[in-house]
Amino acid sequence: MIKPLKNYVVLKKEKNLEEKKVGSIILATSKKDDANVANIIEVGEEVKNSELVKGAKVIYKEYSTTSYKENDDEYLLIKDEDILAVIK
């Protein structure tokens, strides 16, 4: 597992797939509506915002992340200041 340093947060994007049936073929495409929505997996020691906790669902700035892949899981590292909102 990843342990973020300083004011970084580890996010994991939700896998939102939209299924579309064409004849007898099912096509799965990613949903664009939730493109910048993810769940917090880990929080760095210097994150001061008390709403940024494990399990919170957040909206983050596009193009402000660094991706990391481990096995089949893809994680995003982001500074806490680039998280725009918490979804409740």
PDB file of N, CA and C in Angstrom:
ATOM      1  N   MET A   1       0.843  -1.184   0.000  1.00  0.00           N
ATOM      2  CA  MET A   1       0.000   0.000   0.000  1.00  0.00           C
ATOM      3  C   MET A   1       0.884   1.241   0.000  1.00  0.00           C
ATOM      4  N   ILE A   2       0.340   2.325  -0.467  1.00  0.00           N
ATOM      5  CA  ILE A   2       1.059   3.586  -0.586  1.00  0.00           C
ATOM      6  C   ILE A   2       0.810   4.436   0.657  1.00  0.00           C
ATOM      7  N   LYS A   3       1.875   4.995   1.221  1.00  0.00           N
ATOM      8  CA  LYS A   3       1.762   5.939   2.341  1.00  0.00           C
ATOM      9  C   LYS A   3       2.208   7.298   1.817  1.00  0.00           C
ATOM     10  N   PRO A   4       1.264   8.242   1.643  1.00  0.00           N
ATOM     11  CA  PRO A   4       1.634   9.551   1.103  1.00  0.00           C
ATOM     12  C   PRO A   4       2.440  10.379   2.094  1.00  0.00           C
ATOM     13  N   LEU A   5       3.314  11.199   1.572  1.00  0.00           N
ATOM     14  CA  LEU A   5       4.134  12.082   2.390  1.00  0.00           C
ATOM     15  C   LEU A   5       3.515  13.475   2.446  1.00  0.00           C
ATOM     16  N   LYS A   6       3.876  14.223   3.467  1.00  0.00           N
ATOM     17  CA  LYS A   6       3.500  15.630   3.650  1.00  0.00           C
ATOM     18  C   LYS A   6       2.012  15.861   3.441  1.00  0.00           C
ATOM     19  N   ASN A   7       1.658  16.744   2.484  1.00  0.00           N
ATOM     20  CA  ASN A   7       0.262  17.110   2.287  1.00  0.00           C
ATOM     21  C   ASN A   7      -0.357  16.424   1.060  1.00  0.00           C
ATOM     22  N   TYR A   8       0.091  15.215   0.769  1.00  0.00           N
ATOM     23  CA  TYR A   8      -0.457  14.460  -0.358  1.00  0.00           C
ATOM     24  C   TYR A   8      -1.543  13.501   0.096  1.00  0.00           C
ATOM     25  N   VAL A   9      -2.441  13.193  -0.828  1.00  0.00           N
ATOM     26  CA  VAL A   9      -3.558  12.287  -0.578  1.00  0.00           C
ATOM     27  C   VAL A   9      -3.547  11.232  -1.679  1.00  0.00           C
ATOM     28  N   VAL A  10      -3.852   9.984  -1.324  1.00  0.00           N
ATOM     29  CA  VAL A  10      -3.964   8.905  -2.301  1.00  0.00           C
ATOM     30  C   VAL A  10      -5.440   8.693  -2.596  1.00  0.00           C
ATOM     31  N   LEU A  11      -5.779   8.741  -3.878  1.00  0.00           N
ATOM     32  CA  LEU A  11      -7.153   8.544  -4.322  1.00  0.00           C
ATOM     33  C   LEU A  11      -7.261   7.296  -5.176  1.00  0.00           C
ATOM     34  N   LYS A  12      -8.447   6.725  -5.207  1.00  0.00           N
ATOM     35  CA  LYS A  12      -8.729   5.623  -6.123  1.00  0.00           C
ATOM     36  C   LYS A  12     -10.022   5.969  -6.842  1.00  0.00           C
ATOM     37  N   LYS A  13      -9.934   6.030  -8.159  1.00  0.00           N
ATOM     38  CA  LYS A  13     -11.108   6.380  -8.949  1.00  0.00           C
ATOM     39  C   LYS A  13     -12.145   5.277  -8.879  1.00  0.00           C
ATOM     40  N   GLU A  14     -13.404   5.696  -8.864  1.00  0.00           N
ATOM     41  CA  GLU A  14     -14.488   4.727  -8.916  1.00  0.00           C
ATOM     42  C   GLU A  14     -14.592   4.227 -10.344  1.00  0.00           C
ATOM     43  N   LYS A  15     -14.898   2.962 -10.486  1.00  0.00           N
ATOM     44  CA  LYS A  15     -15.053   2.411 -11.824  1.00  0.00           C
ATOM     45  C   LYS A  15     -16.520   2.522 -12.213  1.00  0.00           C
ATOM     46  N   ASN A  16     -16.836   3.601 -12.887  1.00  0.00           N
ATOM     47  CA  ASN A  16     -18.202   3.833 -13.362  1.00  0.00           C
ATOM     48  C   ASN A  16     -18.275   3.412 -14.813  1.00  0.00           C
ATOM     49  N   LEU A  17     -18.918   2.313 -15.040  1.00  0.00           N
ATOM     50  CA  LEU A  17     -19.065   1.845 -16.404  1.00  0.00           C
ATOM     51  C   LEU A  17     -20.518   1.963 -16.822  1.00  0.00           C
ATOM     52  N   GLU A  18     -20.698   2.407 -18.010  1.00  0.00           N
ATOM     53  CA  GLU A  18     -22.030   2.526 -18.574  1.00  0.00           C
ATOM     54  C   GLU A  18     -22.148   1.418 -19.616  1.00  0.00           C
ATOM     55  N   GLU A  19     -23.153   0.582 -19.467  1.00  0.00           N
ATOM     56  CA  GLU A  19     -23.327  -0.498 -20.424  1.00  0.00           C
ATOM     57  C   GLU A  19     -24.317  -0.089 -21.501  1.00  0.00           C
ATOM     58  N   LYS A  20     -23.958  -0.404 -22.724  1.00  0.00           N
ATOM     59  CA  LYS A  20     -24.804  -0.087 -23.865  1.00  0.00           C
ATOM     60  C   LYS A  20     -24.963  -1.371 -24.654  1.00  0.00           C
ATOM     61  N   LYS A  21     -26.193  -1.723 -24.951  1.00  0.00           N
ATOM     62  CA  LYS A  21     -26.441  -2.970 -25.671  1.00  0.00           C
ATOM     63  C   LYS A  21     -26.717  -2.659 -27.132  1.00  0.00           C
ATOM     64  N   VAL A  22     -25.925  -3.285 -27.989  1.00  0.00           N
ATOM     65  CA  VAL A  22     -26.096  -3.154 -29.427  1.00  0.00           C
ATOM     66  C   VAL A  22     -26.339  -4.557 -29.962  1.00  0.00           C
ATOM     67  N   GLY A  23     -27.587  -4.844 -30.267  1.00  0.00           N
ATOM     68  CA  GLY A  23     -27.934  -6.206 -30.689  1.00  0.00           C
ATOM     69  C   GLY A  23     -27.713  -7.146 -29.521  1.00  0.00           C
ATOM     70  N   SER A  24     -26.871  -8.141 -29.696  1.00  0.00           N
ATOM     71  CA  SER A  24     -26.570  -9.072 -28.605  1.00  0.00           C
ATOM     72  C   SER A  24     -25.212  -8.788 -27.964  1.00  0.00           C
ATOM     73  N   ILE A  25     -24.594  -7.669 -28.356  1.00  0.00           N
ATOM     74  CA  ILE A  25     -23.287  -7.291 -27.824  1.00  0.00           C
ATOM     75  C   ILE A  25     -23.461  -6.204 -26.771  1.00  0.00           C
ATOM     76  N   ILE A  26     -22.800  -6.377 -25.619  1.00  0.00           N
ATOM     77  CA  ILE A  26     -22.834  -5.369 -24.560  1.00  0.00           C
ATOM     78  C   ILE A  26     -21.516  -4.613 -24.579  1.00  0.00           C
ATOM     79  N   LEU A  27     -21.600  -3.282 -24.751  1.00  0.00           N
ATOM     80  CA  LEU A  27     -20.416  -2.431 -24.761  1.00  0.00           C
ATOM     81  C   LEU A  27     -20.334  -1.687 -23.443  1.00  0.00           C
ATOM     82  N   ALA A  28     -19.189  -1.726 -22.782  1.00  0.00           N
ATOM     83  CA  ALA A  28     -18.997  -0.997 -21.533  1.00  0.00           C
ATOM     84  C   ALA A  28     -18.078   0.181 -21.809  1.00  0.00           C
ATOM     85  N   THR A  29     -18.561   1.365 -21.507  1.00  0.00           N
ATOM     86  CA  THR A  29     -17.755   2.564 -21.688  1.00  0.00           C
ATOM     87  C   THR A  29     -17.714   3.314 -20.379  1.00  0.00           C
ATOM     88  N   SER A  30     -16.637   4.018 -20.142  1.00  0.00           N
ATOM     89  CA  SER A  30     -16.544   4.783 -18.902  1.00  0.00           C
ATOM     90  C   SER A  30     -17.451   5.993 -18.982  1.00  0.00           C
ATOM     91  N   LYS A  31     -18.001   6.353 -17.853  1.00  0.00           N
ATOM     92  CA  LYS A  31     -18.941   7.458 -17.768  1.00  0.00           C
ATOM     93  C   LYS A  31     -18.165   8.749 -17.576  1.00  0.00           C
ATOM     94  N   LYS A  32     -18.392   9.744 -18.407  1.00  0.00           N
ATOM     95  CA  LYS A  32     -17.657  11.004 -18.349  1.00  0.00           C
ATOM     96  C   LYS A  32     -18.152  11.929 -17.238  1.00  0.00           C
ATOM     97  N   ASP A  33     -19.384  11.723 -16.747  1.00  0.00           N
ATOM     98  CA  ASP A  33     -19.943  12.610 -15.729  1.00  0.00           C
ATOM     99  C   ASP A  33     -19.097  12.639 -14.460  1.00  0.00           C
ATOM    100  N   ASP A  34     -18.557  11.503 -14.067  1.00  0.00           N
ATOM    101  CA  ASP A  34     -17.798  11.395 -12.828  1.00  0.00           C
ATOM    102  C   ASP A  34     -16.306  11.275 -13.100  1.00  0.00           C
ATOM    103  N   ALA A  35     -15.832  11.974 -14.119  1.00  0.00           N
ATOM    104  CA  ALA A  35     -14.437  11.853 -14.535  1.00  0.00           C
ATOM    105  C   ALA A  35     -13.455  12.271 -13.455  1.00  0.00           C
ATOM    106  N   ASN A  36     -13.791  13.246 -12.627  1.00  0.00           N
ATOM    107  CA  ASN A  36     -12.875  13.741 -11.603  1.00  0.00           C
ATOM    108  C   ASN A  36     -13.379  13.454 -10.202  1.00  0.00           C
ATOM    109  N   VAL A  37     -13.994  12.304 -10.018  1.00  0.00           N
ATOM    110  CA  VAL A  37     -14.491  11.890  -8.711  1.00  0.00           C
ATOM    111  C   VAL A  37     -13.729  10.642  -8.284  1.00  0.00           C
ATOM    112  N   ALA A  38     -13.288  10.627  -7.007  1.00  0.00           N
ATOM    113  CA  ALA A  38     -12.536   9.481  -6.491  1.00  0.00           C
ATOM    114  C   ALA A  38     -12.745   9.360  -4.992  1.00  0.00           C
ATOM    115  N   ASN A  39     -12.319   8.224  -4.452  1.00  0.00           N
ATOM    116  CA  ASN A  39     -12.387   7.977  -3.008  1.00  0.00           C
ATOM    117  C   ASN A  39     -10.993   8.095  -2.395  1.00  0.00           C
ATOM    118  N   ILE A  40     -10.924   8.657  -1.200  1.00  0.00           N
ATOM    119  CA  ILE A  40      -9.644   8.794  -0.506  1.00  0.00           C
ATOM    120  C   ILE A  40      -9.263   7.451   0.105  1.00  0.00           C
ATOM    121  N   ILE A  41      -8.032   7.019  -0.172  1.00  0.00           N
ATOM    122  CA  ILE A  41      -7.507   5.763   0.356  1.00  0.00           C
ATOM    123  C   ILE A  41      -6.568   6.022   1.533  1.00  0.00           C
ATOM    124  N   GLU A  42      -5.695   7.004   1.411  1.00  0.00           N
ATOM    125  CA  GLU A  42      -4.734   7.368   2.466  1.00  0.00           C
ATOM    126  C   GLU A  42      -4.536   8.876   2.473  1.00  0.00           C
ATOM    127  N   VAL A  43      -4.175   9.408   3.640  1.00  0.00           N
ATOM    128  CA  VAL A  43      -3.966  10.847   3.812  1.00  0.00           C
ATOM    129  C   VAL A  43      -2.593  11.067   4.446  1.00  0.00           C
ATOM    130  N   GLY A  44      -1.834  12.014   3.911  1.00  0.00           N
ATOM    131  CA  GLY A  44      -0.517  12.349   4.449  1.00  0.00           C
ATOM    132  C   GLY A  44      -0.607  13.049   5.797  1.00  0.00           C
ATOM    133  N   GLU A  45       0.502  13.062   6.525  1.00  0.00           N
ATOM    134  CA  GLU A  45       0.559  13.605   7.885  1.00  0.00           C
ATOM    135  C   GLU A  45       0.262  15.098   7.971  1.00  0.00           C
ATOM    136  N   GLU A  46       0.602  15.866   6.937  1.00  0.00           N
ATOM    137  CA  GLU A  46       0.465  17.316   6.993  1.00  0.00           C
ATOM    138  C   GLU A  46      -0.837  17.846   6.388  1.00  0.00           C
ATOM    139  N   VAL A  47      -1.779  16.960   6.069  1.00  0.00           N
ATOM    140  CA  VAL A  47      -3.081  17.403   5.553  1.00  0.00           C
ATOM    141  C   VAL A  47      -3.872  17.955   6.732  1.00  0.00           C
ATOM    142  N   LYS A  48      -4.241  19.237   6.639  1.00  0.00           N
ATOM    143  CA  LYS A  48      -4.885  19.915   7.763  1.00  0.00           C
ATOM    144  C   LYS A  48      -6.406  19.915   7.681  1.00  0.00           C
ATOM    145  N   ASN A  49      -6.965  19.714   6.519  1.00  0.00           N
ATOM    146  CA  ASN A  49      -8.418  19.730   6.359  1.00  0.00           C
ATOM    147  C   ASN A  49      -9.021  18.476   6.984  1.00  0.00           C
ATOM    148  N   SER A  50      -9.845  18.651   7.992  1.00  0.00           N
ATOM    149  CA  SER A  50     -10.408  17.520   8.733  1.00  0.00           C
ATOM    150  C   SER A  50     -11.446  16.742   7.932  1.00  0.00           C
ATOM    151  N   GLU A  51     -11.910  17.285   6.819  1.00  0.00           N
ATOM    152  CA  GLU A  51     -12.883  16.571   5.988  1.00  0.00           C
ATOM    153  C   GLU A  51     -12.221  15.592   5.026  1.00  0.00           C
ATOM    154  N   LEU A  52     -10.912  15.700   4.856  1.00  0.00           N
ATOM    155  CA  LEU A  52     -10.182  14.797   3.977  1.00  0.00           C
ATOM    156  C   LEU A  52      -9.726  13.583   4.781  1.00  0.00           C
ATOM    157  N   VAL A  53     -10.604  12.598   4.862  1.00  0.00           N
ATOM    158  CA  VAL A  53     -10.346  11.378   5.641  1.00  0.00           C
ATOM    159  C   VAL A  53     -10.534  10.159   4.745  1.00  0.00           C
ATOM    160  N   LYS A  54     -10.003   9.032   5.183  1.00  0.00           N
ATOM    161  CA  LYS A  54     -10.159   7.783   4.440  1.00  0.00           C
ATOM    162  C   LYS A  54     -11.638   7.520   4.179  1.00  0.00           C
ATOM    163  N   GLY A  55     -11.939   7.109   2.958  1.00  0.00           N
ATOM    164  CA  GLY A  55     -13.300   6.761   2.591  1.00  0.00           C
ATOM    165  C   GLY A  55     -14.133   7.909   2.047  1.00  0.00           C
ATOM    166  N   ALA A  56     -13.668   9.144   2.177  1.00  0.00           N
ATOM    167  CA  ALA A  56     -14.430  10.293   1.676  1.00  0.00           C
ATOM    168  C   ALA A  56     -14.403  10.300   0.149  1.00  0.00           C
ATOM    169  N   LYS A  57     -15.513  10.720  -0.428  1.00  0.00           N
ATOM    170  CA  LYS A  57     -15.630  10.833  -1.878  1.00  0.00           C
ATOM    171  C   LYS A  57     -15.400  12.295  -2.237  1.00  0.00           C
ATOM    172  N   VAL A  58     -14.467  12.551  -3.158  1.00  0.00           N
ATOM    173  CA  VAL A  58     -14.060  13.925  -3.463  1.00  0.00           C
ATOM    174  C   VAL A  58     -14.057  14.209  -4.957  1.00  0.00           C
ATOM    175  N   ILE A  59     -14.091  15.514  -5.257  1.00  0.00           N
ATOM    176  CA  ILE A  59     -13.911  16.007  -6.622  1.00  0.00           C
ATOM    177  C   ILE A  59     -12.562  16.710  -6.647  1.00  0.00           C
ATOM    178  N   TYR A  60     -11.744  16.422  -7.663  1.00  0.00           N
ATOM    179  CA  TYR A  60     -10.402  16.997  -7.723  1.00  0.00           C
ATOM    180  C   TYR A  60     -10.174  17.682  -9.067  1.00  0.00           C
ATOM    181  N   LYS A  61      -9.150  18.546  -9.085  1.00  0.00           N
ATOM    182  CA  LYS A  61      -8.783  19.270 -10.310  1.00  0.00           C
ATOM    183  C   LYS A  61      -8.287  18.294 -11.367  1.00  0.00           C
ATOM    184  N   GLU A  62      -8.703  18.541 -12.577  1.00  0.00           N
ATOM    185  CA  GLU A  62      -8.232  17.730 -13.687  1.00  0.00           C
ATOM    186  C   GLU A  62      -6.761  18.047 -13.955  1.00  0.00           C
ATOM    187  N   TYR A  63      -5.981  17.073 -14.328  1.00  0.00           N
ATOM    188  CA  TYR A  63      -4.550  17.204 -14.657  1.00  0.00           C
ATOM    189  C   TYR A  63      -3.679  17.601 -13.459  1.00  0.00           C
ATOM    190  N   SER A  64      -4.124  17.312 -12.244  1.00  0.00           N
ATOM    191  CA  SER A  64      -3.320  17.667 -11.069  1.00  0.00           C
ATOM    192  C   SER A  64      -2.842  16.434 -10.310  1.00  0.00           C
ATOM    193  N   THR A  65      -2.943  15.281 -10.922  1.00  0.00           N
ATOM    194  CA  THR A  65      -2.597  14.039 -10.232  1.00  0.00           C
ATOM    195  C   THR A  65      -1.389  13.351 -10.861  1.00  0.00           C
ATOM    196  N   THR A  66      -0.798  12.475 -10.071  1.00  0.00           N
ATOM    197  CA  THR A  66       0.239  11.565 -10.541  1.00  0.00           C
ATOM    198  C   THR A  66      -0.313  10.163 -10.355  1.00  0.00           C
ATOM    199  N   SER A  67      -0.316   9.370 -11.407  1.00  0.00           N
ATOM    200  CA  SER A  67      -0.904   8.032 -11.297  1.00  0.00           C
ATOM    201  C   SER A  67       0.154   6.999 -10.934  1.00  0.00           C
ATOM    202  N   TYR A  68      -0.320   5.954 -10.245  1.00  0.00           N
ATOM    203  CA  TYR A  68       0.536   4.847  -9.815  1.00  0.00           C
ATOM    204  C   TYR A  68      -0.288   3.576  -9.936  1.00  0.00           C
ATOM    205  N   LYS A  69       0.273   2.568 -10.572  1.00  0.00           N
ATOM    206  CA  LYS A  69      -0.447   1.310 -10.766  1.00  0.00           C
ATOM    207  C   LYS A  69       0.229   0.206  -9.965  1.00  0.00           C
ATOM    208  N   GLU A  70      -0.573  -0.527  -9.216  1.00  0.00           N
ATOM    209  CA  GLU A  70      -0.095  -1.652  -8.415  1.00  0.00           C
ATOM    210  C   GLU A  70      -1.040  -2.820  -8.667  1.00  0.00           C
ATOM    211  N   ASN A  71      -0.511  -3.899  -9.222  1.00  0.00           N
ATOM    212  CA  ASN A  71      -1.329  -5.035  -9.654  1.00  0.00           C
ATOM    213  C   ASN A  71      -2.365  -4.526 -10.655  1.00  0.00           C
ATOM    214  N   ASP A  72      -3.643  -4.727 -10.402  1.00  0.00           N
ATOM    215  CA  ASP A  72      -4.683  -4.241 -11.318  1.00  0.00           C
ATOM    216  C   ASP A  72      -5.314  -2.947 -10.845  1.00  0.00           C
ATOM    217  N   ASP A  73      -4.844  -2.396  -9.731  1.00  0.00           N
ATOM    218  CA  ASP A  73      -5.415  -1.185  -9.162  1.00  0.00           C
ATOM    219  C   ASP A  73      -4.607   0.043  -9.581  1.00  0.00           C
ATOM    220  N   GLU A  74      -5.324   1.115  -9.910  1.00  0.00           N
ATOM    221  CA  GLU A  74      -4.659   2.372 -10.251  1.00  0.00           C
ATOM    222  C   GLU A  74      -4.999   3.415  -9.190  1.00  0.00           C
ATOM    223  N   TYR A  75      -3.958   4.046  -8.660  1.00  0.00           N
ATOM    224  CA  TYR A  75      -4.109   5.057  -7.620  1.00  0.00           C
ATOM    225  C   TYR A  75      -3.655   6.405  -8.157  1.00  0.00           C
ATOM    226  N   LEU A  76      -4.175   7.462  -7.556  1.00  0.00           N
ATOM    227  CA  LEU A  76      -3.790   8.816  -7.917  1.00  0.00           C
ATOM    228  C   LEU A  76      -3.218   9.508  -6.693  1.00  0.00           C
ATOM    229  N   LEU A  77      -2.099  10.200  -6.852  1.00  0.00           N
ATOM    230  CA  LEU A  77      -1.530  11.018  -5.782  1.00  0.00           C
ATOM    231  C   LEU A  77      -1.798  12.472  -6.126  1.00  0.00           C
ATOM    232  N   ILE A  78      -2.260  13.233  -5.130  1.00  0.00           N
ATOM    233  CA  ILE A  78      -2.650  14.611  -5.364  1.00  0.00           C
ATOM    234  C   ILE A  78      -2.376  15.436  -4.115  1.00  0.00           C
ATOM    235  N   LYS A  79      -2.043  16.698  -4.287  1.00  0.00           N
ATOM    236  CA  LYS A  79      -1.884  17.601  -3.139  1.00  0.00           C
ATOM    237  C   LYS A  79      -3.273  17.915  -2.585  1.00  0.00           C
ATOM    238  N   ASP A  80      -3.356  18.084  -1.282  1.00  0.00           N
ATOM    239  CA  ASP A  80      -4.654  18.356  -0.662  1.00  0.00           C
ATOM    240  C   ASP A  80      -5.306  19.623  -1.198  1.00  0.00           C
ATOM    241  N   GLU A  81      -4.509  20.608  -1.594  1.00  0.00           N
ATOM    242  CA  GLU A  81      -5.049  21.867  -2.108  1.00  0.00           C
ATOM    243  C   GLU A  81      -5.705  21.727  -3.476  1.00  0.00           C
ATOM    244  N   ASP A  82      -5.443  20.614  -4.171  1.00  0.00           N
ATOM    245  CA  ASP A  82      -6.046  20.375  -5.487  1.00  0.00           C
ATOM    246  C   ASP A  82      -7.354  19.584  -5.401  1.00  0.00           C
ATOM    247  N   ILE A  83      -7.776  19.267  -4.192  1.00  0.00           N
ATOM    248  CA  ILE A  83      -9.078  18.641  -3.998  1.00  0.00           C
ATOM    249  C   ILE A  83     -10.081  19.778  -3.814  1.00  0.00           C
ATOM    250  N   LEU A  84     -11.092  19.798  -4.674  1.00  0.00           N
ATOM    251  CA  LEU A  84     -12.010  20.926  -4.727  1.00  0.00           C
ATOM    252  C   LEU A  84     -13.217  20.803  -3.799  1.00  0.00           C
ATOM    253  N   ALA A  85     -13.717  19.567  -3.595  1.00  0.00           N
ATOM    254  CA  ALA A  85     -14.931  19.396  -2.799  1.00  0.00           C
ATOM    255  C   ALA A  85     -15.033  17.984  -2.269  1.00  0.00           C
ATOM    256  N   VAL A  86     -15.779  17.850  -1.168  1.00  0.00           N
ATOM    257  CA  VAL A  86     -16.099  16.550  -0.597  1.00  0.00           C
ATOM    258  C   VAL A  86     -17.578  16.300  -0.893  1.00  0.00           C
ATOM    259  N   ILE A  87     -17.877  15.124  -1.427  1.00  0.00           N
ATOM    260  CA  ILE A  87     -19.264  14.766  -1.745  1.00  0.00           C
ATOM    261  C   ILE A  87     -19.846  14.018  -0.551  1.00  0.00           C
ATOM    262  N   LYS A  88     -20.948  14.531  -0.051  1.00  0.00           N
ATOM    263  CA  LYS A  88     -21.594  13.891   1.111  1.00  0.00           C
ATOM    264  C   LYS A  88     -22.912  13.285   0.736  1.00  0.00           C
TER     265      LYS A  88
END
